[in-house]
Each structure stands twice: as C-alpha cells, then as structure tokens.
Amino acid sequence: MVAGLAGSFVADLHIHSPFAFACSKSLTLDNLASWAQRKGIDLLATGDFTHPQWADGLQSQLTLSEDGLYEYGGVSFVPGTEISCVYRQDGRTRRIHLLVMVPTLEAAAAFTGRLEEYGKLESDGRPTVSLSARELLETALDCCPKSLVIPAHAWTPWYGVYGSKAGFDSLDECFHDLAPMVRAVESGLSSDPAMNRAVPELAHRSVVSFSDAHSPGNLGREVTAFSGHLSWDGLTAAVNGGDIAYTVEFYPEEGKYHYSGHRKCGVSLGTADLERNGSICPVCGRQLTLGVLHRVNEVSGQTRVDEREPDADGFIRGDDGAPPYARLIPLREIIAAVRGVGVNTRTVTREYTAITDAVGSELDALLWASSRDLGTATEEPVARAILQARTGHVQVTPGFDGQYGTVSLPSH
C-alpha cells in the first residue's frame, strides 16, 4: 500500500472505460493497473460495468480474491459504474448521476439485466436510463442488498443531486423513503469536504472524493483513503460508517463549475458579485450558470468562508473531528510549470517517472515525501515547488460554466 496513514487504503471509485463518451481509448485494464500503482492507488472501481463489451472483458480478465475484491496487475478492483438518471419529478426534468458499486460481477450482471429495458446500455459506458434516482437505488438494493449507491459530483449544475439546473434541495426530496440508504456523497472537483459539511444532512454522512477519470493519467486527481482492511467488507463498512482517514482534493476553485458565470460571455462571478449584480448575465441578458459555490451557500443557508491554511504536512483539519483533507496540484502540472513546458511533453514524462520511481508513487511525492527525499529524487526547483504546493502557497483563478480554473505557483 501507499505510504501514509497506517491501517488505511487509497481508493478511486469513479472512473470510466474506453466505451464511455468522450473517454480515452487507452483506458484498458493494463493501463489502469499500471497507472494506479504509479499514482499510489490501492483500489479502483472497474467503471462502466453495464457496457456489454467492457463487462465481457472484466469477466474474462479479473480474478476474484479472498478479500472479496477482484485483482488485475497487482491492483484491487471493485465492480462499479456511473448511471445517468433522466426523468420528470415535481414538474422539472431531473438529470442525476449516481455511482453504483456491487460486490461481484454476478451482481453487476443482474443489475445490468434489470436496466436493459430502461436504456440503451451498449451506446455509452455511462448509460442514460429512464429511472428516477430513487428507483435506481431501489433496483440496486433489490439486486444486491450490499450495493453502495453514491450521488456522483453532487453539486455540478446539470448532473448533481444538488445541481442548480436539474437537482434537488435535499436527499429526502430526491430519494424519499430510501434517503437513509444513501450514506455518502461524492464532492466532485468543484467542492471540498468543508463545503459539503456545511449542509446539515451531510454532516453525518461520508463525503468521498474520486477522480472521474476520462483518461489513465487523470486517475487519482482526487482520492479517498478509507480506514480499515482492504476488502469489500472493509470498503462498505468504511463508507457506511464514515471511516475516512483523509481525502485528496482538487483546489475546488480549479473545478469547472466553482463560480457562477457565462463562458461564452467571459463573465465569472463569485458570491459577493452574484449577490450584488444578480444572476442575469450582463452581456447577453440570459440566466447565468449558477456555480457550485453559490449552490452550496444556497442549500446550506450560510456563506462559506475561506478555509484555514494547511498544516505543515499539507492537511486541512477542522474543529469538528471530521476527516482531514489535502488540496494538491497534480505532479505533472507542477513539473510543467517549473520547466516551462507542456504537461504532456517528454520532459515532463521523464521527470514524473523518475520522481515516482524514487519515492514510490505520485501520492507519496505530493503528500508524504520529505524535503530530503524530494531533493534526492529531482532538482531543487521542482522539489521546492512540490513542497510549496503541499502547503497551499498557490494562486488560484476560479473555474466557471464548464471552464476549468487554474492553480499556479507564484514563483513559476
């Protein structure tokens, strides 16, 4: 397992396959396993198990282990997928994305069979079905009572359970009598755990973070370290019981929907500007896309204030005993900024490989490696930049309306 807190395992449970729309064809099991080890991830979801071709490959290539998880290439896997529920409720069209995880491929096949009459599963690895979020949850639990169902990127405007465009004001509104069975929500790239915990109904649920990777290189850009034994039972106990050692986050400002605005009009508004100017675009006169920060404030009934600075070890800790979290910049982005080259250049790839080989993994480099270890693994400017990013000495331009924000190191 990756270095860090003893008795925990690092999981990325929101990923995709080559059969999902707008996803890389290089998302093979070989590449997923290789990149997971390079990133420092112990457990991956398979992604897209409802797609017939991907499911066939999973069935033929994964090996069930004694811990109740599947294994491939030295990495553990759990059958998992993302489902898009599109339906009408309370006079509005709802579009809710849900993560579904089950203990076995047989349970995954049974769940897939139940969905076939509600959508064209072969058309997209992330299929759209004509079931409500409650009906999907009920179906998953009916197929396998041990199923985990987690609202994906809970705050994104169009597809989040709390989204401003098609979501709800509470889990009770969305899931009705089955809301108590939803024991966790995924924060998404545009929010962090502290933002989620401002909502009373999330204060006693798990707030998990995963990558939603559309290519192997994006694995682990957000992860959750669960306390307990790396097994199916260990995973479900940790999710249901809130046993989270820590999470690793994007800077929420870097997410595509943190601020409100209009990308085409170049309008980006934070909380104060939105309150002052209203939600109508001053350029085109149409409704702005209301971002995650605004929506969290709206649902929670309070204005989020800036979080405290990270500790010297890179973690942000609250006073409420909630799991700590770290906001990090991907290692390849740090190297590219220091070297003044593109993220996908050979220069960055060579140095990224050398650093991760030397210290163990990307997560080790970003979070756990000492200044001495980093100084041995790379040259001083890159080592210093990694430590600078770890302790939050960065500049952030927030993302809005589908446009990623930028996080940069002041001296580069």
Protein backbone atom coordinates (compact mmCIF):
# COMPACT_ATOMS: atom_id res chain seq x y z
CA MET A 1 0.00 0.00 0.00
CA VAL A 2 0.99 3.62 -0.43
CA ALA A 3 2.89 5.35 2.31
CA GLY A 4 0.88 7.47 4.68
CA LEU A 5 -1.52 6.60 7.48
CA ALA A 6 -1.26 3.03 8.71
CA GLY A 7 -4.41 0.95 8.53
CA SER A 8 -5.89 2.75 5.54
CA PHE A 9 -6.20 2.11 1.81
CA VAL A 10 -6.42 4.61 -1.04
CA ALA A 11 -9.38 4.27 -3.41
CA ASP A 12 -10.51 5.90 -6.65
CA LEU A 13 -14.03 4.63 -7.28
CA HIS A 14 -15.25 6.89 -10.08
CA ILE A 15 -13.52 6.10 -13.37
CA HIS A 16 -14.53 5.15 -16.91
CA SER A 17 -13.72 2.73 -19.70
CA PRO A 18 -12.92 3.16 -23.40
CA PHE A 19 -16.66 2.72 -24.06
CA ALA A 20 -17.78 5.86 -22.23
CA PHE A 21 -18.50 9.02 -24.21
CA ALA A 22 -15.51 11.39 -24.54
CA CYS A 23 -13.15 8.98 -22.77
CA SER A 24 -9.71 7.77 -23.83
CA LYS A 25 -9.36 4.50 -25.73
CA SER A 26 -6.27 3.83 -23.60
CA LEU A 27 -8.42 3.07 -20.53
CA THR A 28 -7.52 -0.61 -20.66
CA LEU A 29 -7.10 -2.79 -17.59
CA ASP A 30 -3.36 -2.94 -18.24
CA ASN A 31 -3.07 0.84 -18.27
CA LEU A 32 -5.43 1.31 -15.34
CA ALA A 33 -3.41 -1.09 -13.18
CA SER A 34 -0.10 0.43 -14.22
CA TRP A 35 -1.23 3.99 -13.59
CA ALA A 36 -2.91 3.09 -10.29
CA GLN A 37 0.40 1.81 -8.95
CA ARG A 38 2.21 4.85 -10.30
CA LYS A 39 -0.34 7.12 -8.64
CA GLY A 40 -0.40 5.27 -5.31
CA ILE A 41 -3.92 3.82 -5.51
CA ASP A 42 -4.78 0.52 -3.85
CA LEU A 43 -8.38 0.10 -5.05
CA LEU A 44 -10.09 1.09 -8.30
CA ALA A 45 -13.67 0.75 -9.46
CA THR A 46 -13.91 -1.07 -12.77
CA GLY A 47 -16.07 1.67 -14.25
CA ASP A 48 -18.83 1.10 -16.80
CA PHE A 49 -19.73 -2.49 -15.90
CA THR A 50 -23.11 -2.09 -17.63
CA HIS A 51 -21.47 -1.87 -21.07
CA PRO A 52 -21.60 -5.35 -22.71
CA GLN A 53 -18.12 -5.33 -24.23
CA TRP A 54 -16.41 -3.93 -21.15
CA ALA A 55 -18.32 -6.36 -18.94
CA ASP A 56 -17.12 -9.29 -21.06
CA GLY A 57 -13.54 -8.13 -20.66
CA LEU A 58 -13.91 -7.74 -16.91
CA GLN A 59 -15.37 -11.23 -16.62
CA SER A 60 -12.51 -12.80 -18.56
CA GLN A 61 -9.61 -10.82 -17.09
CA LEU A 62 -10.36 -10.10 -13.42
CA THR A 63 -9.63 -12.66 -10.71
CA LEU A 64 -11.70 -12.80 -7.52
CA SER A 65 -9.51 -12.70 -4.42
CA GLU A 66 -10.08 -13.99 -0.90
CA ASP A 67 -10.72 -10.45 0.35
CA GLY A 68 -13.88 -10.22 -1.77
CA LEU A 69 -12.29 -7.86 -4.29
CA TYR A 70 -11.04 -8.53 -7.80
CA GLU A 71 -7.41 -8.36 -8.85
CA TYR A 72 -5.58 -7.42 -12.01
CA GLY A 73 -1.96 -6.39 -12.45
CA GLY A 74 -1.32 -6.09 -8.73
CA VAL A 75 -4.26 -3.71 -8.13
CA SER A 76 -7.60 -4.43 -6.46
CA PHE A 77 -10.85 -3.69 -8.30
CA VAL A 78 -14.49 -3.45 -7.26
CA PRO A 79 -17.34 -3.64 -9.81
CA GLY A 80 -18.52 -0.06 -10.18
CA THR A 81 -20.27 2.15 -12.71
CA GLU A 82 -21.88 5.56 -13.16
CA ILE A 83 -25.51 5.80 -14.24
CA SER A 84 -27.30 8.87 -15.60
CA CYS A 85 -30.95 9.02 -14.47
CA VAL A 86 -33.10 11.35 -16.59
CA TYR A 87 -36.73 11.72 -15.55
CA ARG A 88 -39.51 14.15 -14.59
CA GLN A 89 -40.28 14.94 -10.98
CA ASP A 90 -42.21 17.84 -9.45
CA GLY A 91 -42.70 19.45 -12.84
CA ARG A 92 -39.00 19.53 -13.73
CA THR A 93 -36.62 17.39 -15.74
CA ARG A 94 -34.07 15.83 -13.43
CA ARG A 95 -30.65 14.59 -14.51
CA ILE A 96 -28.87 12.81 -11.68
CA HIS A 97 -25.62 10.86 -11.93
CA LEU A 98 -25.16 8.03 -9.44
CA LEU A 99 -22.24 5.74 -8.67
CA VAL A 100 -23.19 2.09 -8.12
CA MET A 101 -20.84 -0.47 -6.60
CA VAL A 102 -21.61 -4.13 -6.02
CA PRO A 103 -19.55 -6.98 -4.52
CA THR A 104 -19.41 -9.35 -7.50
CA LEU A 105 -19.53 -9.39 -11.28
CA GLU A 106 -22.55 -11.68 -10.98
CA ALA A 107 -24.38 -8.98 -9.03
CA ALA A 108 -23.25 -6.45 -11.65
CA ALA A 109 -24.73 -8.64 -14.40
CA ALA A 110 -28.01 -8.97 -12.53
CA PHE A 111 -28.23 -5.21 -12.06
CA THR A 112 -27.37 -4.66 -15.73
CA GLY A 113 -30.14 -7.05 -16.75
CA ARG A 114 -32.66 -5.03 -14.78
CA LEU A 115 -31.61 -1.81 -16.55
CA GLU A 116 -31.84 -3.09 -20.12
CA GLU A 117 -35.48 -2.08 -20.57
CA TYR A 118 -34.79 1.48 -19.40
CA GLY A 119 -31.93 2.50 -21.67
CA LYS A 120 -29.50 1.51 -24.45
CA LEU A 121 -26.66 0.18 -22.37
CA GLU A 122 -24.39 -0.52 -25.33
CA SER A 123 -24.45 3.10 -26.52
CA ASP A 124 -22.38 4.57 -23.68
CA GLY A 125 -20.32 3.25 -20.80
CA ARG A 126 -22.13 5.81 -18.67
CA PRO A 127 -25.67 4.90 -19.76
CA THR A 128 -28.76 7.08 -19.52
CA VAL A 129 -31.81 5.34 -18.07
CA SER A 130 -35.42 6.44 -17.63
CA LEU A 131 -35.49 5.65 -13.92
CA SER A 132 -35.68 8.09 -11.04
CA ALA A 133 -32.77 8.23 -8.64
CA ARG A 134 -34.95 6.54 -6.04
CA GLU A 135 -35.94 3.79 -8.47
CA LEU A 136 -32.31 3.19 -9.40
CA LEU A 137 -31.34 2.93 -5.74
CA GLU A 138 -34.21 0.54 -5.11
CA THR A 139 -33.20 -1.59 -8.11
CA ALA A 140 -29.59 -1.81 -6.94
CA LEU A 141 -30.60 -2.80 -3.42
CA ASP A 142 -33.12 -5.32 -4.75
CA CYS A 143 -30.44 -6.98 -6.89
CA CYS A 144 -27.92 -6.91 -4.07
CA PRO A 145 -28.70 -5.55 -0.58
CA LYS A 146 -24.98 -4.85 -0.10
CA SER A 147 -24.88 -2.39 -3.02
CA LEU A 148 -23.37 1.03 -2.48
CA VAL A 149 -25.11 3.91 -4.28
CA ILE A 150 -23.43 7.31 -4.05
CA PRO A 151 -24.56 10.55 -5.75
CA ALA A 152 -21.74 11.49 -8.14
CA HIS A 153 -20.22 15.02 -8.22
CA ALA A 154 -23.14 16.08 -6.07
CA TRP A 155 -23.06 19.81 -6.85
CA THR A 156 -22.42 20.11 -10.59
CA PRO A 157 -25.19 22.20 -12.19
CA TRP A 158 -26.59 19.72 -14.72
CA TYR A 159 -25.98 16.27 -13.23
CA GLY A 160 -25.51 16.66 -9.48
CA VAL A 161 -28.13 15.67 -6.93
CA TYR A 162 -27.92 19.25 -5.59
CA GLY A 163 -27.22 20.83 -9.00
CA SER A 164 -28.69 24.23 -9.81
CA LYS A 165 -30.05 23.11 -13.19
CA ALA A 166 -31.67 19.75 -12.50
CA GLY A 167 -31.10 18.78 -8.88
CA PHE A 168 -32.86 18.91 -5.54
CA ASP A 169 -32.59 20.85 -2.30
CA SER A 170 -32.18 17.70 -0.21
CA LEU A 171 -31.55 13.99 -0.42
CA ASP A 172 -35.02 13.43 1.05
CA GLU A 173 -36.58 15.21 -1.95
CA CYS A 174 -34.58 13.05 -4.32
CA PHE A 175 -34.68 9.61 -2.69
CA HIS A 176 -37.77 9.95 -0.46
CA ASP A 177 -38.09 7.00 1.93
CA LEU A 178 -34.80 5.48 0.75
CA ALA A 179 -32.71 8.55 1.58
CA PRO A 180 -31.31 6.88 4.75
CA MET A 181 -29.72 4.26 2.47
CA VAL A 182 -27.56 6.95 0.87
CA ARG A 183 -24.63 7.01 3.25
CA ALA A 184 -22.18 9.07 1.20
CA VAL A 185 -21.93 11.74 -1.49
CA GLU A 186 -19.07 12.45 -3.88
CA SER A 187 -17.82 16.01 -3.53
CA GLY A 188 -16.78 16.49 -7.17
CA LEU A 189 -13.91 18.64 -8.37
CA SER A 190 -15.66 21.97 -7.72
CA SER A 191 -16.33 21.46 -3.99
CA ASP A 192 -14.36 20.28 -0.99
CA PRO A 193 -15.40 18.39 2.17
CA ALA A 194 -15.78 21.55 4.24
CA MET A 195 -18.26 22.96 1.74
CA ASN A 196 -20.29 19.75 1.89
CA ARG A 197 -20.25 19.57 5.67
CA ALA A 198 -21.94 22.97 5.80
CA VAL A 199 -25.13 21.17 4.71
CA PRO A 200 -26.79 19.68 7.82
CA GLU A 201 -27.88 16.41 6.19
CA LEU A 202 -24.29 15.75 5.08
CA ALA A 203 -22.74 16.37 8.47
CA HIS A 204 -23.18 12.71 9.42
CA ARG A 205 -22.67 11.17 6.00
CA SER A 206 -19.39 10.32 4.32
CA VAL A 207 -18.03 12.89 1.89
CA VAL A 208 -15.88 10.99 -0.60
CA SER A 209 -13.67 12.22 -3.41
CA PHE A 210 -12.74 10.40 -6.62
CA SER A 211 -11.21 11.38 -9.95
CA ASP A 212 -13.99 10.81 -12.54
CA ALA A 213 -11.03 9.98 -14.76
CA HIS A 214 -11.64 10.04 -18.52
CA SER A 215 -8.02 9.03 -19.20
CA PRO A 216 -5.45 6.97 -17.26
CA GLY A 217 -3.28 9.98 -16.44
CA ASN A 218 -6.15 11.60 -14.53
CA LEU A 219 -6.55 8.70 -12.12
CA GLY A 220 -6.10 9.81 -8.55
CA ARG A 221 -6.53 13.54 -9.06
CA GLU A 222 -8.98 13.09 -6.19
CA VAL A 223 -8.95 10.02 -3.92
CA THR A 224 -10.29 8.82 -0.59
CA ALA A 225 -8.22 6.94 1.95
CA PHE A 226 -10.56 4.66 3.91
CA SER A 227 -9.68 3.36 7.36
CA GLY A 228 -9.80 -0.40 7.73
CA HIS A 229 -8.95 -3.55 5.83
CA LEU A 230 -8.69 -3.57 2.04
CA SER A 231 -11.67 -5.80 1.25
CA TRP A 232 -15.27 -5.50 0.11
CA ASP A 233 -16.48 -5.66 3.69
CA GLY A 234 -13.85 -3.14 4.72
CA LEU A 235 -14.95 -0.76 1.98
CA THR A 236 -18.65 -0.96 2.77
CA ALA A 237 -18.03 -0.58 6.49
CA ALA A 238 -15.89 2.49 5.89
CA VAL A 239 -18.36 4.16 3.52
CA ASN A 240 -21.40 3.41 5.67
CA GLY A 241 -19.66 4.26 8.93
CA GLY A 242 -17.77 7.35 7.80
CA ASP A 243 -14.40 5.72 8.49
CA ILE A 244 -12.31 8.00 6.28
CA ALA A 245 -8.66 8.57 7.09
CA TYR A 246 -8.33 11.52 4.69
CA THR A 247 -9.23 12.69 1.20
CA VAL A 248 -7.13 14.30 -1.50
CA GLU A 249 -8.85 17.14 -3.34
CA PHE A 250 -8.53 19.42 -6.30
CA TYR A 251 -8.48 23.01 -5.26
CA PRO A 252 -12.27 23.47 -5.62
CA GLU A 253 -11.67 26.73 -7.47
CA GLU A 254 -9.96 24.68 -10.18
CA GLY A 255 -13.18 22.76 -10.89
CA LYS A 256 -15.22 23.65 -13.96
CA TYR A 257 -18.23 24.95 -12.06
CA HIS A 258 -16.94 26.59 -8.88
CA TYR A 259 -18.00 30.16 -9.72
CA SER A 260 -21.19 31.26 -11.48
CA GLY A 261 -20.98 32.77 -14.94
CA HIS A 262 -21.16 32.53 -18.72
CA ARG A 263 -18.16 31.12 -20.51
CA LYS A 264 -19.10 32.50 -23.95
CA CYS A 265 -19.58 35.98 -22.49
CA GLY A 266 -16.45 35.86 -20.34
CA VAL A 267 -18.49 36.56 -17.19
CA SER A 268 -17.34 34.96 -13.92
CA LEU A 269 -18.93 35.91 -10.60
CA GLY A 270 -18.13 34.90 -7.04
CA THR A 271 -20.55 35.07 -4.14
CA ALA A 272 -20.29 38.81 -3.45
CA ASP A 273 -20.50 39.77 -7.13
CA LEU A 274 -23.52 37.49 -7.65
CA GLU A 275 -25.34 38.99 -4.68
CA ARG A 276 -24.56 42.49 -5.90
CA ASN A 277 -25.28 42.02 -9.62
CA GLY A 278 -27.88 39.25 -9.68
CA SER A 279 -27.98 36.04 -11.73
CA ILE A 280 -28.66 37.58 -15.16
CA CYS A 281 -25.67 37.80 -17.48
CA PRO A 282 -24.74 41.48 -18.01
CA VAL A 283 -23.54 40.71 -21.55
CA CYS A 284 -26.29 38.57 -23.12
CA GLY A 285 -29.15 39.06 -20.68
CA ARG A 286 -29.68 35.34 -20.07
CA GLN A 287 -29.60 33.35 -16.86
CA LEU A 288 -26.06 32.62 -15.67
CA THR A 289 -24.95 29.08 -14.97
CA LEU A 290 -25.07 29.13 -11.18
CA GLY A 291 -21.96 27.50 -9.83
CA VAL A 292 -21.18 25.12 -7.01
CA LEU A 293 -20.11 27.77 -4.51
CA HIS A 294 -23.41 29.60 -4.92
CA ARG A 295 -25.42 26.40 -4.71
CA VAL A 296 -23.67 25.18 -1.54
CA ASN A 297 -24.37 28.52 0.10
CA GLU A 298 -27.99 28.35 -1.04
CA VAL A 299 -28.66 24.82 0.24
CA SER A 300 -26.71 25.22 3.47
CA GLY A 301 -28.17 28.63 4.27
CA GLN A 302 -24.76 30.06 5.08
CA THR A 303 -21.94 31.76 3.23
CA ARG A 304 -18.81 29.68 3.09
CA VAL A 305 -15.74 31.44 4.41
CA ASP A 306 -12.21 30.65 3.31
CA GLU A 307 -10.72 27.61 4.98
CA ARG A 308 -7.73 27.75 7.26
CA GLU A 309 -4.31 27.16 5.76
CA PRO A 310 -2.96 23.62 5.57
CA ASP A 311 -0.73 22.31 8.33
CA ALA A 312 2.94 21.82 7.63
CA ASP A 313 2.10 18.27 6.45
CA GLY A 314 -0.38 19.59 3.88
CA PHE A 315 -3.65 18.65 5.63
CA ILE A 316 -6.58 20.90 6.45
CA ARG A 317 -8.16 19.96 9.75
CA GLY A 318 -11.38 21.34 11.18
CA ASP A 319 -12.52 21.59 14.77
CA ASP A 320 -15.40 19.15 14.34
CA GLY A 321 -13.43 15.93 14.20
CA ALA A 322 -14.21 15.46 10.51
CA PRO A 323 -11.65 13.67 8.34
CA PRO A 324 -8.75 15.89 7.23
CA TYR A 325 -8.16 16.63 3.59
CA ALA A 326 -5.32 17.87 1.39
CA ARG A 327 -5.64 20.11 -1.66
CA LEU A 328 -2.98 19.18 -4.18
CA ILE A 329 -1.79 20.05 -7.67
CA PRO A 330 -1.07 17.04 -9.94
CA LEU A 331 2.64 16.30 -10.10
CA ARG A 332 2.86 16.60 -13.87
CA GLU A 333 1.37 20.10 -13.68
CA ILE A 334 3.96 21.12 -11.09
CA ILE A 335 6.83 19.82 -13.21
CA ALA A 336 5.44 21.52 -16.33
CA ALA A 337 5.12 24.86 -14.50
CA VAL A 338 8.69 24.74 -13.24
CA ARG A 339 10.16 23.62 -16.56
CA GLY A 340 8.03 25.95 -18.66
CA VAL A 341 6.79 23.18 -20.97
CA GLY A 342 3.52 21.38 -21.68
CA VAL A 343 2.11 18.78 -19.31
CA ASN A 344 2.22 16.02 -21.95
CA THR A 345 5.78 16.63 -23.14
CA ARG A 346 8.57 14.07 -22.92
CA THR A 347 10.41 16.32 -20.49
CA VAL A 348 7.56 16.12 -18.01
CA THR A 349 7.02 12.39 -18.57
CA ARG A 350 10.68 11.58 -17.92
CA GLU A 351 10.87 13.63 -14.75
CA TYR A 352 7.50 12.41 -13.50
CA THR A 353 8.65 8.81 -13.93
CA ALA A 354 11.97 9.46 -12.22
CA ILE A 355 10.35 11.11 -9.19
CA THR A 356 7.66 8.48 -8.72
CA ASP A 357 10.19 5.69 -9.16
CA ALA A 358 12.38 7.28 -6.49
CA VAL A 359 9.76 7.99 -3.81
CA GLY A 360 7.20 5.25 -4.58
CA SER A 361 4.22 6.98 -6.17
CA GLU A 362 2.74 10.35 -7.11
CA LEU A 363 0.78 10.49 -3.86
CA ASP A 364 3.97 9.80 -1.93
CA ALA A 365 5.71 12.65 -3.75
CA LEU A 366 2.89 15.16 -3.30
CA LEU A 367 1.95 14.36 0.28
CA TRP A 368 4.41 12.23 2.21
CA ALA A 369 7.98 12.53 0.85
CA SER A 370 10.37 14.61 2.95
CA SER A 371 12.29 17.54 1.53
CA ARG A 372 15.42 15.36 1.66
CA ASP A 373 13.73 12.57 -0.31
CA LEU A 374 12.47 15.05 -2.91
CA GLY A 375 15.87 16.67 -3.14
CA THR A 376 17.34 13.27 -3.97
CA ALA A 377 14.61 12.46 -6.49
CA THR A 378 14.71 15.70 -8.51
CA GLU A 379 16.37 19.06 -8.83
CA GLU A 380 15.84 21.74 -6.20
CA PRO A 381 13.34 23.95 -8.12
CA VAL A 382 10.91 21.07 -8.63
CA ALA A 383 11.36 19.78 -5.06
CA ARG A 384 10.69 23.27 -3.70
CA ALA A 385 7.60 23.65 -5.90
CA ILE A 386 6.16 20.36 -4.64
CA LEU A 387 6.54 21.50 -1.03
CA GLN A 388 5.12 24.91 -1.91
CA ALA A 389 2.03 23.31 -3.47
CA ARG A 390 1.66 20.95 -0.50
CA THR A 391 1.42 23.83 1.97
CA GLY A 392 -1.02 25.89 -0.10
CA HIS A 393 1.26 28.65 -1.36
CA VAL A 394 -0.52 28.94 -4.71
CA GLN A 395 -2.51 31.38 -6.81
CA VAL A 396 -5.98 30.34 -7.96
CA THR A 397 -8.25 31.63 -10.72
CA PRO A 398 -11.69 30.01 -10.28
CA GLY A 399 -13.39 27.96 -12.99
CA PHE A 400 -16.94 28.66 -14.15
CA ASP A 401 -19.59 27.44 -16.61
CA GLY A 402 -17.61 24.43 -17.82
CA GLN A 403 -14.20 26.12 -17.92
CA TYR A 404 -11.53 24.74 -15.59
CA GLY A 405 -9.91 27.18 -13.22
CA THR A 406 -6.16 27.50 -12.93
CA VAL A 407 -3.86 26.92 -9.98
CA SER A 408 -0.35 28.22 -10.31
CA LEU A 409 2.75 28.54 -8.19
CA PRO A 410 3.56 32.23 -7.66
CA SER A 411 7.24 31.89 -8.44
CA HIS A 412 6.79 29.95 -11.71
